[in-house]
N, C-alpha and C. Protein backbone atom coordinates (compact mmCIF):
# COMPACT_ATOMS: atom_id res chain seq x y z
N UNK A 1 97.20 107.29 95.27
CA UNK A 1 97.94 106.65 96.34
C UNK A 1 98.62 107.70 97.16
N UNK A 2 98.47 107.60 98.46
CA UNK A 2 99.15 108.60 99.35
C UNK A 2 99.37 107.96 100.71
N UNK A 3 100.37 108.60 101.49
CA UNK A 3 100.68 108.19 102.78
C UNK A 3 99.40 108.48 103.67
N UNK A 4 99.26 107.62 104.67
CA UNK A 4 98.09 107.68 105.48
C UNK A 4 98.55 107.59 106.95
N UNK A 5 97.74 107.35 107.87
CA UNK A 5 98.08 107.39 109.28
C UNK A 5 99.07 106.22 109.63
N UNK A 6 99.95 106.58 110.56
CA UNK A 6 100.89 105.61 111.16
C UNK A 6 101.65 104.80 110.13
N UNK A 7 102.18 105.45 109.10
CA UNK A 7 103.05 104.74 108.20
C UNK A 7 102.38 103.86 107.15
N UNK A 8 101.03 103.93 107.12
CA UNK A 8 100.34 103.14 106.10
C UNK A 8 100.05 103.91 104.82
N UNK A 9 99.54 103.26 103.85
CA UNK A 9 99.21 103.81 102.59
C UNK A 9 97.73 103.77 102.28
N UNK A 10 97.20 104.78 101.74
CA UNK A 10 95.78 104.78 101.30
C UNK A 10 95.73 104.87 99.83
N UNK A 11 94.94 103.94 99.16
CA UNK A 11 94.73 103.93 97.79
C UNK A 11 93.22 104.16 97.55
N UNK A 12 92.80 105.11 96.87
CA UNK A 12 91.38 105.31 96.63
C UNK A 12 91.15 105.06 95.13
N UNK A 13 90.34 104.03 94.90
CA UNK A 13 90.07 103.67 93.52
C UNK A 13 88.66 104.21 93.17
N UNK A 14 88.42 104.68 91.99
CA UNK A 14 87.12 105.17 91.54
C UNK A 14 86.95 105.00 90.08
N UNK A 15 85.68 104.95 89.68
CA UNK A 15 85.42 104.88 88.25
C UNK A 15 85.21 103.39 87.84
N UNK A 16 85.43 103.13 86.52
CA UNK A 16 85.24 101.88 85.98
C UNK A 16 86.54 101.10 85.79
N UNK A 17 86.49 99.80 86.04
CA UNK A 17 87.67 98.97 85.86
C UNK A 17 87.31 97.80 84.97
N UNK A 18 87.90 97.72 83.76
CA UNK A 18 87.61 96.69 82.86
C UNK A 18 88.86 96.34 82.11
N UNK A 19 88.79 95.65 81.02
CA UNK A 19 89.99 95.14 80.29
C UNK A 19 90.80 96.41 79.77
N UNK A 20 90.16 97.52 79.55
CA UNK A 20 90.90 98.68 79.04
C UNK A 20 91.97 99.20 80.03
N UNK A 21 91.63 99.11 81.29
CA UNK A 21 92.54 99.63 82.26
C UNK A 21 93.01 98.64 83.31
N UNK A 22 92.86 97.35 83.01
CA UNK A 22 93.26 96.28 83.87
C UNK A 22 94.80 96.32 84.24
N UNK A 23 95.59 96.65 83.22
CA UNK A 23 96.98 96.77 83.41
C UNK A 23 97.36 97.93 84.40
N UNK A 24 96.59 99.01 84.29
CA UNK A 24 96.86 100.11 85.26
C UNK A 24 96.47 99.76 86.66
N UNK A 25 95.40 98.97 86.84
CA UNK A 25 95.02 98.45 88.16
C UNK A 25 96.16 97.59 88.68
N UNK A 26 96.63 96.71 87.83
CA UNK A 26 97.79 95.79 88.27
C UNK A 26 98.97 96.59 88.69
N UNK A 27 99.28 97.69 87.96
CA UNK A 27 100.43 98.51 88.30
C UNK A 27 100.22 99.20 89.67
N UNK A 28 99.05 99.68 89.89
CA UNK A 28 98.78 100.30 91.22
C UNK A 28 98.97 99.31 92.34
N UNK A 29 98.42 98.12 92.20
CA UNK A 29 98.55 97.14 93.19
C UNK A 29 99.97 96.58 93.32
N UNK A 30 100.66 96.46 92.19
CA UNK A 30 102.06 96.12 92.30
C UNK A 30 102.89 97.14 93.12
N UNK A 31 102.64 98.45 92.73
CA UNK A 31 103.37 99.51 93.46
C UNK A 31 103.11 99.44 94.98
N UNK A 32 101.88 99.27 95.42
CA UNK A 32 101.67 99.28 96.86
C UNK A 32 102.20 97.96 97.50
N UNK A 33 102.16 96.90 96.75
CA UNK A 33 102.65 95.62 97.36
C UNK A 33 104.19 95.74 97.61
N UNK A 34 104.88 96.45 96.74
CA UNK A 34 106.34 96.51 96.82
C UNK A 34 106.73 97.42 98.10
N UNK A 35 105.83 98.24 98.57
CA UNK A 35 106.12 99.05 99.70
C UNK A 35 106.17 98.30 101.03
N UNK A 36 105.45 97.17 100.98
CA UNK A 36 105.39 96.25 102.17
C UNK A 36 104.97 97.02 103.43
N UNK A 37 104.01 97.93 103.25
CA UNK A 37 103.36 98.67 104.38
C UNK A 37 101.90 98.36 104.43
N UNK A 38 101.33 98.58 105.56
CA UNK A 38 99.84 98.38 105.64
C UNK A 38 99.18 99.33 104.59
N UNK A 39 98.28 98.73 103.84
CA UNK A 39 97.58 99.49 102.80
C UNK A 39 96.10 99.30 102.79
N UNK A 40 95.42 100.42 102.80
CA UNK A 40 93.92 100.43 102.71
C UNK A 40 93.55 100.79 101.32
N UNK A 41 92.76 99.94 100.63
CA UNK A 41 92.26 100.21 99.30
C UNK A 41 90.79 100.53 99.34
N UNK A 42 90.48 101.81 99.21
CA UNK A 42 89.03 102.24 99.32
C UNK A 42 88.41 101.98 97.97
N UNK A 43 87.23 101.33 98.00
CA UNK A 43 86.55 100.95 96.77
C UNK A 43 85.16 101.58 96.69
N UNK A 44 84.87 102.56 97.49
CA UNK A 44 83.53 103.11 97.62
C UNK A 44 83.19 103.90 96.37
N UNK A 45 84.12 104.31 95.52
CA UNK A 45 83.79 105.17 94.34
C UNK A 45 83.92 104.35 93.02
N UNK A 46 84.10 103.05 93.17
CA UNK A 46 84.18 102.23 91.96
C UNK A 46 82.74 102.03 91.41
N UNK A 47 82.56 102.36 90.17
CA UNK A 47 81.22 102.27 89.54
C UNK A 47 81.02 101.08 88.68
N UNK A 48 82.08 100.43 88.35
CA UNK A 48 82.00 99.21 87.47
C UNK A 48 83.29 98.37 87.71
N UNK A 49 83.12 97.06 87.84
CA UNK A 49 84.25 96.16 88.01
C UNK A 49 83.93 94.92 87.20
N UNK A 50 84.72 94.71 86.11
CA UNK A 50 84.47 93.56 85.29
C UNK A 50 85.06 92.29 85.91
N UNK A 51 84.92 91.16 85.22
CA UNK A 51 85.37 89.86 85.76
C UNK A 51 86.96 89.89 85.96
N UNK A 52 87.64 90.47 85.00
CA UNK A 52 89.09 90.46 85.10
C UNK A 52 89.55 91.33 86.27
N UNK A 53 88.91 92.46 86.48
CA UNK A 53 89.33 93.35 87.61
C UNK A 53 88.93 92.71 88.92
N UNK A 54 87.77 92.03 88.90
CA UNK A 54 87.30 91.34 90.12
C UNK A 54 88.30 90.22 90.46
N UNK A 55 88.71 89.49 89.51
CA UNK A 55 89.68 88.44 89.70
C UNK A 55 91.05 88.97 90.22
N UNK A 56 91.41 90.08 89.67
CA UNK A 56 92.72 90.70 90.10
C UNK A 56 92.60 91.07 91.57
N UNK A 57 91.58 91.76 91.99
CA UNK A 57 91.42 92.12 93.40
C UNK A 57 91.35 90.86 94.28
N UNK A 58 90.70 89.82 93.78
CA UNK A 58 90.58 88.59 94.53
C UNK A 58 91.93 87.95 94.78
N UNK A 59 92.78 87.91 93.74
CA UNK A 59 94.07 87.35 93.84
C UNK A 59 94.94 88.19 94.81
N UNK A 60 94.96 89.50 94.59
CA UNK A 60 95.73 90.38 95.41
C UNK A 60 95.27 90.36 96.87
N UNK A 61 93.97 90.26 97.15
CA UNK A 61 93.51 90.28 98.46
C UNK A 61 94.00 88.99 99.25
N UNK A 62 94.19 87.89 98.47
CA UNK A 62 94.64 86.70 99.12
C UNK A 62 96.20 86.65 99.21
N UNK A 63 96.88 87.11 98.19
CA UNK A 63 98.34 87.12 98.20
C UNK A 63 98.89 88.11 99.29
N UNK A 64 98.27 89.19 99.40
CA UNK A 64 98.83 90.25 100.30
C UNK A 64 97.88 90.59 101.49
N UNK A 65 97.20 89.59 101.92
CA UNK A 65 96.19 89.65 103.00
C UNK A 65 96.88 90.27 104.23
N UNK A 66 98.12 89.98 104.50
CA UNK A 66 98.79 90.40 105.69
C UNK A 66 99.02 91.94 105.77
N UNK A 67 98.90 92.60 104.59
CA UNK A 67 99.06 94.02 104.68
C UNK A 67 98.18 94.84 103.67
N UNK A 68 97.27 94.12 103.03
CA UNK A 68 96.34 94.81 102.03
C UNK A 68 94.95 94.58 102.55
N UNK A 69 94.26 95.72 102.75
CA UNK A 69 92.87 95.62 103.26
C UNK A 69 91.95 96.38 102.25
N UNK A 70 90.94 95.68 101.81
CA UNK A 70 89.99 96.25 100.88
C UNK A 70 88.84 96.80 101.75
N UNK A 71 88.51 98.11 101.44
CA UNK A 71 87.66 98.80 102.43
C UNK A 71 86.48 99.51 101.67
N UNK A 72 85.36 99.53 102.29
CA UNK A 72 84.16 100.20 101.86
C UNK A 72 83.78 99.95 100.38
N UNK A 73 83.55 98.68 100.03
CA UNK A 73 83.21 98.40 98.59
C UNK A 73 81.82 99.09 98.17
N UNK A 74 81.82 99.59 97.05
CA UNK A 74 80.63 100.17 96.49
C UNK A 74 79.55 99.00 96.21
N UNK A 75 78.34 99.28 96.05
CA UNK A 75 77.36 98.26 95.65
C UNK A 75 77.76 97.61 94.36
N UNK A 76 78.44 98.32 93.48
CA UNK A 76 78.84 97.73 92.24
C UNK A 76 79.96 96.74 92.44
N UNK A 77 80.93 96.98 93.37
CA UNK A 77 81.96 96.12 93.64
C UNK A 77 81.38 94.79 94.31
N UNK A 78 80.46 95.00 95.29
CA UNK A 78 79.86 93.89 95.91
C UNK A 78 79.06 93.00 94.84
N UNK A 79 78.38 93.62 93.98
CA UNK A 79 77.61 92.91 92.89
C UNK A 79 78.61 92.14 92.01
N UNK A 80 79.76 92.68 91.63
CA UNK A 80 80.70 91.93 90.75
C UNK A 80 81.24 90.74 91.55
N UNK A 81 81.60 90.94 92.82
CA UNK A 81 82.14 89.84 93.65
C UNK A 81 81.13 88.74 93.73
N UNK A 82 79.82 89.12 93.96
CA UNK A 82 78.80 88.11 94.06
C UNK A 82 78.57 87.40 92.69
N UNK A 83 78.57 88.16 91.64
CA UNK A 83 78.36 87.54 90.26
C UNK A 83 79.41 86.54 90.00
N UNK A 84 80.70 86.86 90.42
CA UNK A 84 81.77 85.91 90.18
C UNK A 84 81.87 84.76 91.24
N UNK A 85 80.94 84.83 92.28
CA UNK A 85 80.88 83.89 93.32
C UNK A 85 82.23 83.84 94.10
N UNK A 86 82.72 85.01 94.39
CA UNK A 86 83.97 85.13 95.11
C UNK A 86 83.82 85.64 96.59
N UNK A 87 82.58 85.70 97.06
CA UNK A 87 82.30 86.21 98.32
C UNK A 87 83.12 85.62 99.45
N UNK A 88 83.37 84.33 99.39
CA UNK A 88 84.12 83.69 100.44
C UNK A 88 85.62 84.05 100.42
N UNK A 89 86.09 84.63 99.33
CA UNK A 89 87.52 84.98 99.20
C UNK A 89 87.75 86.40 99.69
N UNK A 90 86.73 87.21 99.89
CA UNK A 90 86.91 88.62 100.31
C UNK A 90 86.53 88.80 101.72
N UNK A 91 87.33 89.65 102.38
CA UNK A 91 86.97 90.20 103.74
C UNK A 91 87.08 91.67 103.62
N UNK A 92 85.98 92.31 103.28
CA UNK A 92 85.96 93.73 103.16
C UNK A 92 85.91 94.30 104.56
N UNK A 93 86.56 95.45 104.79
CA UNK A 93 86.51 96.16 105.99
C UNK A 93 85.54 97.32 105.74
N UNK A 94 84.65 97.57 106.68
CA UNK A 94 83.72 98.71 106.56
C UNK A 94 83.98 99.67 107.69
N UNK A 95 84.19 100.93 107.31
CA UNK A 95 84.52 101.98 108.25
C UNK A 95 83.26 102.87 108.46
N UNK A 96 82.52 102.71 109.55
CA UNK A 96 81.34 103.47 109.76
C UNK A 96 81.63 104.96 109.99
N UNK A 97 82.85 105.34 110.31
CA UNK A 97 83.20 106.75 110.51
C UNK A 97 83.47 107.39 109.18
N UNK A 98 83.63 106.62 108.11
CA UNK A 98 83.93 107.23 106.75
C UNK A 98 82.62 107.52 106.11
N UNK A 99 82.40 108.84 105.63
CA UNK A 99 81.17 109.12 104.92
C UNK A 99 80.97 108.26 103.67
N UNK A 100 82.07 107.93 103.05
CA UNK A 100 81.90 107.10 101.80
C UNK A 100 81.32 105.74 102.04
N UNK A 101 81.28 105.35 103.27
CA UNK A 101 80.77 104.06 103.66
C UNK A 101 79.25 104.03 103.82
N UNK A 102 78.62 105.14 103.75
CA UNK A 102 77.23 105.28 104.03
C UNK A 102 76.40 104.49 103.00
N UNK A 103 76.97 104.12 101.87
CA UNK A 103 76.27 103.37 100.88
C UNK A 103 76.12 101.86 101.28
N UNK A 104 76.86 101.42 102.27
CA UNK A 104 76.78 100.04 102.71
C UNK A 104 75.94 99.94 103.94
N UNK A 105 74.91 99.17 103.90
CA UNK A 105 74.05 99.03 105.04
C UNK A 105 74.67 98.09 106.06
N UNK A 106 74.35 98.34 107.36
CA UNK A 106 75.04 97.54 108.42
C UNK A 106 74.88 96.01 108.31
N UNK A 107 73.73 95.59 107.79
CA UNK A 107 73.57 94.14 107.62
C UNK A 107 74.37 93.57 106.48
N UNK A 108 74.89 94.41 105.56
CA UNK A 108 75.76 93.91 104.51
C UNK A 108 77.24 93.93 104.90
N UNK A 109 77.51 94.62 106.00
CA UNK A 109 78.91 94.80 106.37
C UNK A 109 79.32 93.68 107.33
N UNK A 110 80.35 92.85 107.03
CA UNK A 110 80.85 91.89 107.93
C UNK A 110 81.66 92.59 109.00
N UNK A 111 82.07 91.87 110.05
CA UNK A 111 82.90 92.44 111.11
C UNK A 111 84.21 92.98 110.48
N UNK A 112 84.72 93.99 111.11
CA UNK A 112 85.98 94.58 110.64
C UNK A 112 87.14 93.69 110.92
N UNK A 113 88.17 93.75 110.11
CA UNK A 113 89.42 92.98 110.35
C UNK A 113 90.50 94.07 110.45
N UNK A 114 91.55 93.77 111.19
CA UNK A 114 92.61 94.70 111.31
C UNK A 114 93.53 94.59 110.16
N UNK A 115 94.09 95.70 109.68
CA UNK A 115 95.15 95.72 108.65
C UNK A 115 96.45 95.35 109.28
N UNK A 116 97.13 94.40 108.73
CA UNK A 116 98.44 94.16 109.23
C UNK A 116 98.54 92.75 109.60
């Protein structure tokens, strides 16, 4: 987690998220939610997301929609969201200028939404 442009926060998640580290994921998301600042959560380096972690991101994306933006999901994140049938609950932002976004094809990327 680090400060980012214009008073916002950037959180870059990577690796595997399952029941072993679900509490750590919750702590990270709790920490950024208490800041009450626009937050970008980059998911391009997530290699595995189990049902519990997918549910946690779903809940947080709805609760803090006004300042939490999930960005550049990896194919593994998109697969987990699809497997849980949560696609309608997520609005991922895709940043074509970000090299980590190259893994998402344009036809998979919905229109961008603004953070805030």
